[in-house]
Structure formats: structure tokens, C-alpha cells
ModelCIF file with pLDDT and N, C-alpha, C, O atoms, coordinates in Angstrom:
data_MODEL
#
_entry.id   MODEL 
#
_entity.id                         1 
_entity.type                       polymer 
_entity.pdbx_number_of_molecules   1 
#
_entity_poly.entity_id                      1 
_entity_poly.type                           'polypeptide(L)' 
_entity_poly.nstd_linkage                   no 
_entity_poly.nstd_monomer                   no 
_entity_poly.pdbx_seq_one_letter_code       SPSQERNLERALQCRVLDRTGLILDIFAQR 
_entity_poly.pdbx_seq_one_letter_code_can   SPSQERNLERALQCRVLDRTGLILDIFAQR 
_entity_poly.pdbx_strand_id                 A 
#
loop_
_entity_poly_seq.entity_id 
_entity_poly_seq.num 
_entity_poly_seq.mon_id 
_entity_poly_seq.hetero 
1 1  SER n 
1 2  PRO n 
1 3  SER n 
1 4  GLN n 
1 5  GLU n 
1 6  ARG n 
1 7  ASN n 
1 8  LEU n 
1 9  GLU n 
1 10 ARG n 
1 11 ALA n 
1 12 LEU n 
1 13 GLN n 
1 14 CYS n 
1 15 ARG n 
1 16 VAL n 
1 17 LEU n 
1 18 ASP n 
1 19 ARG n 
1 20 THR n 
1 21 GLY n 
1 22 LEU n 
1 23 ILE n 
1 24 LEU n 
1 25 ASP n 
1 26 ILE n 
1 27 PHE n 
1 28 ALA n 
1 29 GLN n 
1 30 ARG n 
#
_struct_asym.id          A 
_struct_asym.entity_id   1 
#
loop_
_ma_qa_metric.id 
_ma_qa_metric.mode 
_ma_qa_metric.name 
_ma_qa_metric.software_group_id 
_ma_qa_metric.type 
1 global pLDDT . pLDDT 
2 local  pLDDT . pLDDT 
#
_ma_qa_metric_global.metric_id      1 
_ma_qa_metric_global.metric_value   86.87 
_ma_qa_metric_global.model_id       1 
_ma_qa_metric_global.ordinal_id     1 
#
loop_
_ma_qa_metric_local.label_asym_id 
_ma_qa_metric_local.label_comp_id 
_ma_qa_metric_local.label_seq_id 
_ma_qa_metric_local.metric_id 
_ma_qa_metric_local.metric_value 
_ma_qa_metric_local.model_id 
_ma_qa_metric_local.ordinal_id 
A SER 1  2 89.00 1 1  
A PRO 2  2 87.00 1 2  
A SER 3  2 90.00 1 3  
A GLN 4  2 92.00 1 4  
A GLU 5  2 90.00 1 5  
A ARG 6  2 89.00 1 6  
A ASN 7  2 92.00 1 7  
A LEU 8  2 93.00 1 8  
A GLU 9  2 90.00 1 9  
A ARG 10 2 90.00 1 10 
A ALA 11 2 92.00 1 11 
A LEU 12 2 92.00 1 12 
A GLN 13 2 90.00 1 13 
A CYS 14 2 89.00 1 14 
A ARG 15 2 88.00 1 15 
A VAL 16 2 91.00 1 16 
A LEU 17 2 90.00 1 17 
A ASP 18 2 90.00 1 18 
A ARG 19 2 88.00 1 19 
A THR 20 2 85.00 1 20 
A GLY 21 2 86.00 1 21 
A LEU 22 2 87.00 1 22 
A ILE 23 2 84.00 1 23 
A LEU 24 2 82.00 1 24 
A ASP 25 2 84.00 1 25 
A ILE 26 2 80.00 1 26 
A PHE 27 2 77.00 1 27 
A ALA 28 2 79.00 1 28 
A GLN 29 2 79.00 1 29 
A ARG 30 2 71.00 1 30 
#
loop_
_atom_site.group_PDB 
_atom_site.id 
_atom_site.type_symbol 
_atom_site.label_atom_id 
_atom_site.label_alt_id 
_atom_site.label_comp_id 
_atom_site.label_asym_id 
_atom_site.label_entity_id 
_atom_site.label_seq_id 
_atom_site.pdbx_PDB_ins_code 
_atom_site.Cartn_x 
_atom_site.Cartn_y 
_atom_site.Cartn_z 
_atom_site.occupancy 
_atom_site.B_iso_or_equiv 
_atom_site.pdbx_formal_charge 
_atom_site.auth_seq_id 
_atom_site.auth_comp_id 
_atom_site.auth_asym_id 
_atom_site.auth_atom_id 
_atom_site.pdbx_PDB_model_num 
ATOM 1   N N  . SER A 1 1  ? -112.828 161.304 -50.328 1.00 89.00 ? 1  SER A N  1 
ATOM 2   C CA . SER A 1 1  ? -114.168 160.911 -49.931 1.00 89.00 ? 1  SER A CA 1 
ATOM 3   C C  . SER A 1 1  ? -114.793 160.088 -51.055 1.00 89.00 ? 1  SER A C  1 
ATOM 4   O O  . SER A 1 1  ? -114.346 160.185 -52.198 1.00 89.00 ? 1  SER A O  1 
ATOM 5   N N  . PRO A 1 2  ? -115.816 159.278 -50.762 1.00 87.00 ? 2  PRO A N  1 
ATOM 6   C CA . PRO A 1 2  ? -116.479 158.511 -51.824 1.00 87.00 ? 2  PRO A CA 1 
ATOM 7   C C  . PRO A 1 2  ? -116.996 159.386 -52.962 1.00 87.00 ? 2  PRO A C  1 
ATOM 8   O O  . PRO A 1 2  ? -116.897 159.006 -54.129 1.00 87.00 ? 2  PRO A O  1 
ATOM 9   N N  . SER A 1 3  ? -117.548 160.558 -52.633 1.00 90.00 ? 3  SER A N  1 
ATOM 10  C CA . SER A 1 3  ? -118.066 161.433 -53.685 1.00 90.00 ? 3  SER A CA 1 
ATOM 11  C C  . SER A 1 3  ? -116.943 161.991 -54.545 1.00 90.00 ? 3  SER A C  1 
ATOM 12  O O  . SER A 1 3  ? -117.110 162.124 -55.757 1.00 90.00 ? 3  SER A O  1 
ATOM 13  N N  . GLN A 1 4  ? -115.789 162.324 -53.941 1.00 92.00 ? 4  GLN A N  1 
ATOM 14  C CA . GLN A 1 4  ? -114.651 162.810 -54.718 1.00 92.00 ? 4  GLN A CA 1 
ATOM 15  C C  . GLN A 1 4  ? -114.139 161.724 -55.660 1.00 92.00 ? 4  GLN A C  1 
ATOM 16  O O  . GLN A 1 4  ? -113.830 162.012 -56.816 1.00 92.00 ? 4  GLN A O  1 
ATOM 17  N N  . GLU A 1 5  ? -114.045 160.483 -55.189 1.00 90.00 ? 5  GLU A N  1 
ATOM 18  C CA . GLU A 1 5  ? -113.633 159.384 -56.057 1.00 90.00 ? 5  GLU A CA 1 
ATOM 19  C C  . GLU A 1 5  ? -114.620 159.206 -57.203 1.00 90.00 ? 5  GLU A C  1 
ATOM 20  O O  . GLU A 1 5  ? -114.219 159.005 -58.350 1.00 90.00 ? 5  GLU A O  1 
ATOM 21  N N  . ARG A 1 6  ? -115.905 159.281 -56.895 1.00 89.00 ? 6  ARG A N  1 
ATOM 22  C CA . ARG A 1 6  ? -116.928 159.092 -57.923 1.00 89.00 ? 6  ARG A CA 1 
ATOM 23  C C  . ARG A 1 6  ? -116.849 160.201 -58.974 1.00 89.00 ? 6  ARG A C  1 
ATOM 24  O O  . ARG A 1 6  ? -116.952 159.931 -60.171 1.00 89.00 ? 6  ARG A O  1 
ATOM 25  N N  . ASN A 1 7  ? -116.670 161.436 -58.534 1.00 92.00 ? 7  ASN A N  1 
ATOM 26  C CA . ASN A 1 7  ? -116.570 162.558 -59.473 1.00 92.00 ? 7  ASN A CA 1 
ATOM 27  C C  . ASN A 1 7  ? -115.324 162.459 -60.344 1.00 92.00 ? 7  ASN A C  1 
ATOM 28  O O  . ASN A 1 7  ? -115.374 162.743 -61.541 1.00 92.00 ? 7  ASN A O  1 
ATOM 29  N N  . LEU A 1 8  ? -114.210 162.057 -59.744 1.00 93.00 ? 8  LEU A N  1 
ATOM 30  C CA . LEU A 1 8  ? -112.964 161.921 -60.496 1.00 93.00 ? 8  LEU A CA 1 
ATOM 31  C C  . LEU A 1 8  ? -113.057 160.783 -61.515 1.00 93.00 ? 8  LEU A C  1 
ATOM 32  O O  . LEU A 1 8  ? -112.586 160.926 -62.643 1.00 93.00 ? 8  LEU A O  1 
ATOM 33  N N  . GLU A 1 9  ? -113.655 159.666 -61.129 1.00 90.00 ? 9  GLU A N  1 
ATOM 34  C CA . GLU A 1 9  ? -113.788 158.540 -62.053 1.00 90.00 ? 9  GLU A CA 1 
ATOM 35  C C  . GLU A 1 9  ? -114.709 158.876 -63.215 1.00 90.00 ? 9  GLU A C  1 
ATOM 36  O O  . GLU A 1 9  ? -114.475 158.448 -64.345 1.00 90.00 ? 9  GLU A O  1 
ATOM 37  N N  . ARG A 1 10 ? -115.769 159.653 -62.933 1.00 90.00 ? 10 ARG A N  1 
ATOM 38  C CA . ARG A 1 10 ? -116.671 160.075 -63.993 1.00 90.00 ? 10 ARG A CA 1 
ATOM 39  C C  . ARG A 1 10 ? -115.947 161.002 -64.973 1.00 90.00 ? 10 ARG A C  1 
ATOM 40  O O  . ARG A 1 10 ? -116.145 160.903 -66.184 1.00 90.00 ? 10 ARG A O  1 
ATOM 41  N N  . ALA A 1 11 ? -115.104 161.907 -64.448 1.00 92.00 ? 11 ALA A N  1 
ATOM 42  C CA . ALA A 1 11 ? -114.413 162.873 -65.298 1.00 92.00 ? 11 ALA A CA 1 
ATOM 43  C C  . ALA A 1 11 ? -113.252 162.243 -66.065 1.00 92.00 ? 11 ALA A C  1 
ATOM 44  O O  . ALA A 1 11 ? -113.027 162.572 -67.230 1.00 92.00 ? 11 ALA A O  1 
ATOM 45  N N  . LEU A 1 12 ? -112.511 161.334 -65.414 1.00 92.00 ? 12 LEU A N  1 
ATOM 46  C CA . LEU A 1 12 ? -111.298 160.766 -66.011 1.00 92.00 ? 12 LEU A CA 1 
ATOM 47  C C  . LEU A 1 12 ? -111.560 159.467 -66.763 1.00 92.00 ? 12 LEU A C  1 
ATOM 48  O O  . LEU A 1 12 ? -110.715 159.018 -67.538 1.00 92.00 ? 12 LEU A O  1 
ATOM 49  N N  . GLN A 1 13 ? -112.744 158.850 -66.538 1.00 90.00 ? 13 GLN A N  1 
ATOM 50  C CA . GLN A 1 13 ? -113.097 157.599 -67.202 1.00 90.00 ? 13 GLN A CA 1 
ATOM 51  C C  . GLN A 1 13 ? -112.062 156.503 -66.965 1.00 90.00 ? 13 GLN A C  1 
ATOM 52  O O  . GLN A 1 13 ? -111.724 155.742 -67.872 1.00 90.00 ? 13 GLN A O  1 
ATOM 53  N N  . CYS A 1 14 ? -111.570 156.438 -65.737 1.00 89.00 ? 14 CYS A N  1 
ATOM 54  C CA . CYS A 1 14 ? -110.643 155.373 -65.351 1.00 89.00 ? 14 CYS A CA 1 
ATOM 55  C C  . CYS A 1 14 ? -110.758 155.162 -63.859 1.00 89.00 ? 14 CYS A C  1 
ATOM 56  O O  . CYS A 1 14 ? -111.437 155.920 -63.166 1.00 89.00 ? 14 CYS A O  1 
ATOM 57  N N  . ARG A 1 15 ? -110.109 154.156 -63.376 1.00 88.00 ? 15 ARG A N  1 
ATOM 58  C CA . ARG A 1 15 ? -110.168 153.852 -61.959 1.00 88.00 ? 15 ARG A CA 1 
ATOM 59  C C  . ARG A 1 15 ? -109.314 154.843 -61.166 1.00 88.00 ? 15 ARG A C  1 
ATOM 60  O O  . ARG A 1 15 ? -108.196 155.171 -61.563 1.00 88.00 ? 15 ARG A O  1 
ATOM 61  N N  . VAL A 1 16 ? -109.860 155.316 -60.036 1.00 91.00 ? 16 VAL A N  1 
ATOM 62  C CA . VAL A 1 16 ? -109.159 156.223 -59.138 1.00 91.00 ? 16 VAL A CA 1 
ATOM 63  C C  . VAL A 1 16 ? -108.991 155.540 -57.785 1.00 91.00 ? 16 VAL A C  1 
ATOM 64  O O  . VAL A 1 16 ? -109.945 154.992 -57.232 1.00 91.00 ? 16 VAL A O  1 
ATOM 65  N N  . LEU A 1 17 ? -107.775 155.579 -57.261 1.00 90.00 ? 17 LEU A N  1 
ATOM 66  C CA . LEU A 1 17 ? -107.453 154.931 -55.991 1.00 90.00 ? 17 LEU A CA 1 
ATOM 67  C C  . LEU A 1 17 ? -106.826 155.961 -55.061 1.00 90.00 ? 17 LEU A C  1 
ATOM 68  O O  . LEU A 1 17 ? -105.949 156.717 -55.478 1.00 90.00 ? 17 LEU A O  1 
ATOM 69  N N  . ASP A 1 18 ? -107.265 155.998 -53.802 1.00 90.00 ? 18 ASP A N  1 
ATOM 70  C CA . ASP A 1 18 ? -106.646 156.927 -52.863 1.00 90.00 ? 18 ASP A CA 1 
ATOM 71  C C  . ASP A 1 18 ? -105.612 156.201 -52.009 1.00 90.00 ? 18 ASP A C  1 
ATOM 72  O O  . ASP A 1 18 ? -105.391 155.002 -52.179 1.00 90.00 ? 18 ASP A O  1 
ATOM 73  N N  . ARG A 1 19 ? -104.983 156.930 -51.093 1.00 88.00 ? 19 ARG A N  1 
ATOM 74  C CA . ARG A 1 19 ? -103.892 156.385 -50.283 1.00 88.00 ? 19 ARG A CA 1 
ATOM 75  C C  . ARG A 1 19 ? -104.365 155.193 -49.439 1.00 88.00 ? 19 ARG A C  1 
ATOM 76  O O  . ARG A 1 19 ? -103.662 154.188 -49.328 1.00 88.00 ? 19 ARG A O  1 
ATOM 77  N N  . THR A 1 20 ? -105.544 155.312 -48.854 1.00 85.00 ? 20 THR A N  1 
ATOM 78  C CA . THR A 1 20 ? -106.067 154.222 -48.035 1.00 85.00 ? 20 THR A CA 1 
ATOM 79  C C  . THR A 1 20 ? -106.281 152.964 -48.868 1.00 85.00 ? 20 THR A C  1 
ATOM 80  O O  . THR A 1 20 ? -105.889 151.871 -48.459 1.00 85.00 ? 20 THR A O  1 
ATOM 81  N N  . GLY A 1 21 ? -106.906 153.118 -50.041 1.00 86.00 ? 21 GLY A N  1 
ATOM 82  C CA . GLY A 1 21 ? -107.109 151.977 -50.922 1.00 86.00 ? 21 GLY A CA 1 
ATOM 83  C C  . GLY A 1 21 ? -105.805 151.345 -51.371 1.00 86.00 ? 21 GLY A C  1 
ATOM 84  O O  . GLY A 1 21 ? -105.720 150.127 -51.525 1.00 86.00 ? 21 GLY A O  1 
ATOM 85  N N  . LEU A 1 22 ? -104.786 152.173 -51.583 1.00 87.00 ? 22 LEU A N  1 
ATOM 86  C CA . LEU A 1 22 ? -103.464 151.679 -51.978 1.00 87.00 ? 22 LEU A CA 1 
ATOM 87  C C  . LEU A 1 22 ? -102.846 150.826 -50.877 1.00 87.00 ? 22 LEU A C  1 
ATOM 88  O O  . LEU A 1 22 ? -102.332 149.740 -51.145 1.00 87.00 ? 22 LEU A O  1 
ATOM 89  N N  . ILE A 1 23 ? -102.895 151.314 -49.640 1.00 84.00 ? 23 ILE A N  1 
ATOM 90  C CA . ILE A 1 23 ? -102.343 150.565 -48.507 1.00 84.00 ? 23 ILE A CA 1 
ATOM 91  C C  . ILE A 1 23 ? -103.107 149.253 -48.308 1.00 84.00 ? 23 ILE A C  1 
ATOM 92  O O  . ILE A 1 23 ? -102.504 148.218 -48.026 1.00 84.00 ? 23 ILE A O  1 
ATOM 93  N N  . LEU A 1 24 ? -104.419 149.300 -48.453 1.00 82.00 ? 24 LEU A N  1 
ATOM 94  C CA . LEU A 1 24 ? -105.225 148.088 -48.336 1.00 82.00 ? 24 LEU A CA 1 
ATOM 95  C C  . LEU A 1 24 ? -104.843 147.058 -49.392 1.00 82.00 ? 24 LEU A C  1 
ATOM 96  O O  . LEU A 1 24 ? -104.812 145.858 -49.116 1.00 82.00 ? 24 LEU A O  1 
ATOM 97  N N  . ASP A 1 25 ? -104.555 147.531 -50.599 1.00 84.00 ? 25 ASP A N  1 
ATOM 98  C CA . ASP A 1 25 ? -104.147 146.631 -51.672 1.00 84.00 ? 25 ASP A CA 1 
ATOM 99  C C  . ASP A 1 25 ? -102.823 145.951 -51.345 1.00 84.00 ? 25 ASP A C  1 
ATOM 100 O O  . ASP A 1 25 ? -102.662 144.756 -51.592 1.00 84.00 ? 25 ASP A O  1 
ATOM 101 N N  . ILE A 1 26 ? -101.875 146.705 -50.791 1.00 80.00 ? 26 ILE A N  1 
ATOM 102 C CA . ILE A 1 26 ? -100.590 146.127 -50.405 1.00 80.00 ? 26 ILE A CA 1 
ATOM 103 C C  . ILE A 1 26 ? -100.796 145.087 -49.304 1.00 80.00 ? 26 ILE A C  1 
ATOM 104 O O  . ILE A 1 26 ? -100.212 144.004 -49.345 1.00 80.00 ? 26 ILE A O  1 
ATOM 105 N N  . PHE A 1 27 ? -101.623 145.422 -48.329 1.00 77.00 ? 27 PHE A N  1 
ATOM 106 C CA . PHE A 1 27 ? -101.900 144.486 -47.245 1.00 77.00 ? 27 PHE A CA 1 
ATOM 107 C C  . PHE A 1 27 ? -102.523 143.203 -47.781 1.00 77.00 ? 27 PHE A C  1 
ATOM 108 O O  . PHE A 1 27 ? -102.187 142.109 -47.327 1.00 77.00 ? 27 PHE A O  1 
ATOM 109 N N  . ALA A 1 28 ? -103.430 143.336 -48.748 1.00 79.00 ? 28 ALA A N  1 
ATOM 110 C CA . ALA A 1 28 ? -104.083 142.156 -49.327 1.00 79.00 ? 28 ALA A CA 1 
ATOM 111 C C  . ALA A 1 28 ? -103.073 141.252 -50.015 1.00 79.00 ? 28 ALA A C  1 
ATOM 112 O O  . ALA A 1 28 ? -103.210 140.029 -49.974 1.00 79.00 ? 28 ALA A O  1 
ATOM 113 N N  . GLN A 1 29 ? -102.064 141.834 -50.646 1.00 79.00 ? 29 GLN A N  1 
ATOM 114 C CA . GLN A 1 29 ? -101.028 141.050 -51.318 1.00 79.00 ? 29 GLN A CA 1 
ATOM 115 C C  . GLN A 1 29 ? -100.112 140.332 -50.330 1.00 79.00 ? 29 GLN A C  1 
ATOM 116 O O  . GLN A 1 29 ? -99.640  139.230 -50.610 1.00 79.00 ? 29 GLN A O  1 
ATOM 117 N N  . ARG A 1 30 ? -99.856  140.958 -49.161 1.00 71.00 ? 30 ARG A N  1 
ATOM 118 C CA . ARG A 1 30 ? -98.836  140.466 -48.244 1.00 71.00 ? 30 ARG A CA 1 
ATOM 119 C C  . ARG A 1 30 ? -99.378  139.517 -47.189 1.00 71.00 ? 30 ARG A C  1 
ATOM 120 O O  . ARG A 1 30 ? -98.620  139.028 -46.351 1.00 71.00 ? 30 ARG A O  1 
#
């Protein structure tokens, strides 16, 4: 969820990507 991504990014101080975002990135490349 957006809130889970936001909480994880705040805690880990790096970019967090979920499965949907990963698939979208592959589609954007192809």
C-alpha cells in the first residue's frame, strides 16, 4: 500500500519498490 511504502522508505532511507512497480518498470523499458 502507499502508506507501507512510505513507512518503509522512511525507516530504510532508500527507495522501496513493490511487485506492481517492478512490472511497470519492465513494461516501460520494453
